[in-house]
C-alpha atoms as a PDB file:
ATOM      1  CA  UNK A   1      -5.558  17.984   6.384  1.00  0.00           C
ATOM      2  CA  UNK A   2      -9.425  17.001   7.634  1.00  0.00           C
ATOM      3  CA  UNK A   3      -9.951  12.895   6.437  1.00  0.00           C
ATOM      4  CA  UNK A   4     -13.350  14.011   4.704  1.00  0.00           C
ATOM      5  CA  UNK A   5     -10.538  15.691   2.032  1.00  0.00           C
ATOM      6  CA  UNK A   6      -8.682  12.818   0.926  1.00  0.00           C
ATOM      7  CA  UNK A   7     -10.824  11.210  -1.709  1.00  0.00           C
ATOM      8  CA  UNK A   8     -10.387  14.214  -3.892  1.00  0.00           C
ATOM      9  CA  UNK A   9      -6.588  14.876  -3.273  1.00  0.00           C
ATOM     10  CA  UNK A  10      -5.871  11.087  -4.080  1.00  0.00           C
ATOM     11  CA  UNK A  11      -8.578  10.857  -7.822  1.00  0.00           C
ATOM     12  CA  UNK A  12      -6.058  13.859  -8.395  1.00  0.00           C
ATOM     13  CA  UNK A  13      -3.046  11.923  -8.391  1.00  0.00           C
ATOM     14  CA  UNK A  14      -1.203   9.727 -10.825  1.00  0.00           C
ATOM     15  CA  UNK A  15       1.327   8.300  -8.550  1.00  0.00           C
ATOM     16  CA  UNK A  16       1.709   8.326  -5.184  1.00  0.00           C
ATOM     17  CA  UNK A  17       5.149   8.924  -3.528  1.00  0.00           C
ATOM     18  CA  UNK A  18       5.878   7.438  -0.017  1.00  0.00           C
ATOM     19  CA  UNK A  19       9.586   8.232   0.962  1.00  0.00           C
ATOM     20  CA  UNK A  20       8.738   7.528   4.422  1.00  0.00           C
ATOM     21  CA  UNK A  21      12.386   6.636   6.296  1.00  0.00           C
ATOM     22  CA  UNK A  22      10.015   5.227   9.460  1.00  0.00           C
ATOM     23  CA  UNK A  23       6.480   4.181   9.405  1.00  0.00           C
ATOM     24  CA  UNK A  24       5.170   1.155  11.275  1.00  0.00           C
ATOM     25  CA  UNK A  25       1.761   1.375   9.308  1.00  0.00           C
ATOM     26  CA  UNK A  26       1.648   3.881   8.077  1.00  0.00           C
ATOM     27  CA  UNK A  27      -2.709   4.654   6.696  1.00  0.00           C
ATOM     28  CA  UNK A  28      -1.547   6.792   3.235  1.00  0.00           C
ATOM     29  CA  UNK A  29      -0.369   3.878   1.502  1.00  0.00           C
ATOM     30  CA  UNK A  30      -3.866   1.952   1.228  1.00  0.00           C
ATOM     31  CA  UNK A  31      -5.510   4.908   1.240  1.00  0.00           C
ATOM     32  CA  UNK A  32      -4.408   5.767  -2.376  1.00  0.00           C
ATOM     33  CA  UNK A  33      -3.756   2.065  -3.452  1.00  0.00           C
ATOM     34  CA  UNK A  34      -7.582   1.484  -2.166  1.00  0.00           C
ATOM     35  CA  UNK A  35      -8.549   4.999  -5.070  1.00  0.00           C
ATOM     36  CA  UNK A  36      -5.934   3.090  -7.509  1.00  0.00           C
ATOM     37  CA  UNK A  37      -3.140   4.564  -7.664  1.00  0.00           C
ATOM     38  CA  UNK A  38       0.332   3.838  -7.881  1.00  0.00           C
ATOM     39  CA  UNK A  39       2.527   3.552  -4.769  1.00  0.00           C
ATOM     40  CA  UNK A  40       6.388   4.164  -5.071  1.00  0.00           C
ATOM     41  CA  UNK A  41       8.653   4.664  -2.222  1.00  0.00           C
ATOM     42  CA  UNK A  42      11.098   3.766   0.127  1.00  0.00           C
ATOM     43  CA  UNK A  43      11.630  -0.128   1.575  1.00  0.00           C
ATOM     44  CA  UNK A  44      10.036   0.809   5.031  1.00  0.00           C
ATOM     45  CA  UNK A  45       8.740  -0.155   7.881  1.00  0.00           C
ATOM     46  CA  UNK A  46       5.564  -1.814   6.795  1.00  0.00           C
ATOM     47  CA  UNK A  47       4.737  -0.846   2.788  1.00  0.00           C
ATOM     48  CA  UNK A  48       6.735  -3.880   1.052  1.00  0.00           C
ATOM     49  CA  UNK A  49       3.487  -6.139   2.904  1.00  0.00           C
ATOM     50  CA  UNK A  50       0.771  -3.439   1.866  1.00  0.00           C
ATOM     51  CA  UNK A  51       1.941  -2.815  -1.612  1.00  0.00           C
ATOM     52  CA  UNK A  52       3.108  -6.693  -2.516  1.00  0.00           C
ATOM     53  CA  UNK A  53       5.658  -6.051  -5.178  1.00  0.00           C
ATOM     54  CA  UNK A  54       9.439  -5.207  -4.260  1.00  0.00           C
ATOM     55  CA  UNK A  55      10.064  -3.414  -8.178  1.00  0.00           C
ATOM     56  CA  UNK A  56       7.551  -0.417  -6.234  1.00  0.00           C
ATOM     57  CA  UNK A  57      10.491   0.162  -3.944  1.00  0.00           C
ATOM     58  CA  UNK A  58      14.155   1.254  -3.361  1.00  0.00           C
ATOM     59  CA  UNK A  59      16.875   1.470  -0.417  1.00  0.00           C
ATOM     60  CA  UNK A  60      15.237   3.794   2.098  1.00  0.00           C
ATOM     61  CA  UNK A  61      16.776   7.480   1.640  1.00  0.00           C
ATOM     62  CA  UNK A  62      18.464   6.620  -1.947  1.00  0.00           C
ATOM     63  CA  UNK A  63      16.762   9.717  -3.609  1.00  0.00           C
ATOM     64  CA  UNK A  64      18.169   9.131  -6.716  1.00  0.00           C
ATOM     65  CA  UNK A  65      16.874   5.806  -6.856  1.00  0.00           C
ATOM     66  CA  UNK A  66      13.491   6.531  -6.216  1.00  0.00           C
ATOM     67  CA  UNK A  67      13.417   9.543  -9.304  1.00  0.00           C
ATOM     68  CA  UNK A  68      14.617   7.340 -11.533  1.00  0.00           C
ATOM     69  CA  UNK A  69      11.953   4.067 -10.791  1.00  0.00           C
ATOM     70  CA  UNK A  70       9.416   7.434 -10.068  1.00  0.00           C
ATOM     71  CA  UNK A  71      10.119   8.210 -14.477  1.00  0.00           C
ATOM     72  CA  UNK A  72      10.731   5.281 -15.239  1.00  0.00           C
ATOM     73  CA  UNK A  73       6.915   4.377 -14.408  1.00  0.00           C
ATOM     74  CA  UNK A  74       5.518   7.291 -15.079  1.00  0.00           C
ATOM     75  CA  UNK A  75       6.742   6.523 -18.832  1.00  0.00           C
ATOM     76  CA  UNK A  76       5.479   2.775 -18.918  1.00  0.00           C
ATOM     77  CA  UNK A  77       1.293   3.969 -20.081  1.00  0.00           C
ATOM     78  CA  UNK A  78       0.546  -0.114 -18.893  1.00  0.00           C
ATOM     79  CA  UNK A  79       2.964  -0.492 -15.964  1.00  0.00           C
ATOM     80  CA  UNK A  80       0.734   2.675 -14.451  1.00  0.00           C
ATOM     81  CA  UNK A  81      -2.821   1.258 -15.454  1.00  0.00           C
ATOM     82  CA  UNK A  82      -1.991  -2.536 -14.311  1.00  0.00           C
ATOM     83  CA  UNK A  83      -0.603  -1.420 -11.626  1.00  0.00           C
ATOM     84  CA  UNK A  84      -3.517   1.142 -10.329  1.00  0.00           C
ATOM     85  CA  UNK A  85      -6.152  -2.341 -10.869  1.00  0.00           C
ATOM     86  CA  UNK A  86      -4.228  -4.188  -8.845  1.00  0.00           C
ATOM     87  CA  UNK A  87      -3.543  -1.676  -5.754  1.00  0.00           C
ATOM     88  CA  UNK A  88      -7.614  -0.815  -6.096  1.00  0.00           C
ATOM     89  CA  UNK A  89      -7.891  -4.635  -5.346  1.00  0.00           C
ATOM     90  CA  UNK A  90      -4.686  -5.119  -3.109  1.00  0.00           C
ATOM     91  CA  UNK A  91      -6.628  -2.381  -1.025  1.00  0.00           C
ATOM     92  CA  UNK A  92      -9.033  -4.601   0.112  1.00  0.00           C
ATOM     93  CA  UNK A  93      -6.973  -6.278   2.305  1.00  0.00           C
ATOM     94  CA  UNK A  94      -6.870  -3.395   4.427  1.00  0.00           C
ATOM     95  CA  UNK A  95     -10.711  -3.154   4.116  1.00  0.00           C
ATOM     96  CA  UNK A  96     -12.409  -2.913   8.423  1.00  0.00           C
ATOM     97  CA  UNK A  97     -14.860  -5.484   7.542  1.00  0.00           C
ATOM     98  CA  UNK A  98     -11.501  -7.597   5.635  1.00  0.00           C
ATOM     99  CA  UNK A  99      -9.239  -6.955   8.726  1.00  0.00           C
ATOM    100  CA  UNK A 100     -12.042  -7.458  11.498  1.00  0.00           C
ATOM    101  CA  UNK A 101     -13.282 -11.245   9.686  1.00  0.00           C
ATOM    102  CA  UNK A 102      -9.107 -12.657   9.460  1.00  0.00           C
ATOM    103  CA  UNK A 103      -8.541 -11.240  12.599  1.00  0.00           C
ATOM    104  CA  UNK A 104     -11.785 -13.356  14.156  1.00  0.00           C
ATOM    105  CA  UNK A 105     -10.475 -15.895  11.985  1.00  0.00           C
ATOM    106  CA  UNK A 106      -7.313 -16.321  13.860  1.00  0.00           C
ATOM    107  CA  UNK A 107      -8.139 -15.552  17.347  1.00  0.00           C
ATOM    108  CA  UNK A 108     -11.037 -18.634  16.562  1.00  0.00           C
ATOM    109  CA  UNK A 109      -8.671 -20.744  15.128  1.00  0.00           C
ATOM    110  CA  UNK A 110      -5.902 -19.849  18.006  1.00  0.00           C
ATOM    111  CA  UNK A 111      -7.851 -20.732  20.890  1.00  0.00           C
ATOM    112  CA  UNK A 112     -10.224 -24.115  18.742  1.00  0.00           C
ATOM    113  CA  UNK A 113      -6.325 -24.836  18.753  1.00  0.00           C
ATOM    114  CA  UNK A 114      -5.452 -24.425  22.193  1.00  0.00           C
ATOM    115  CA  UNK A 115      -8.530 -25.579  23.318  1.00  0.00           C
ATOM    116  CA  UNK A 116      -7.932 -28.771  21.820  1.00  0.00           C
ATOM    117  CA  UNK A 117      -4.739 -29.650  23.423  1.00  0.00           C
END
């Protein structure tokens, strides 16, 4: 799928499911979050860090538990609305400008400490 088409796809989603078994830091989860889409999935790789909510994850490979979680969340309009707003805000952590600034601050801090010693 062409990258340019992703926003129109994400706008149609009520919920994004990330049933990945192995992934270091996928882009699809922050993309969904930036569009205000709640994300559920398996607790693998960096997804727990990305979404910042362990209640949105189940043990990797447990499809039945994931299906139950999906139904539970879809049946909670207040959770869906709250999570949508939370995700849109949290996704800003992974915006290019924010990440560049964070890395610059980290490197500056580490180089300053090393230089002073």
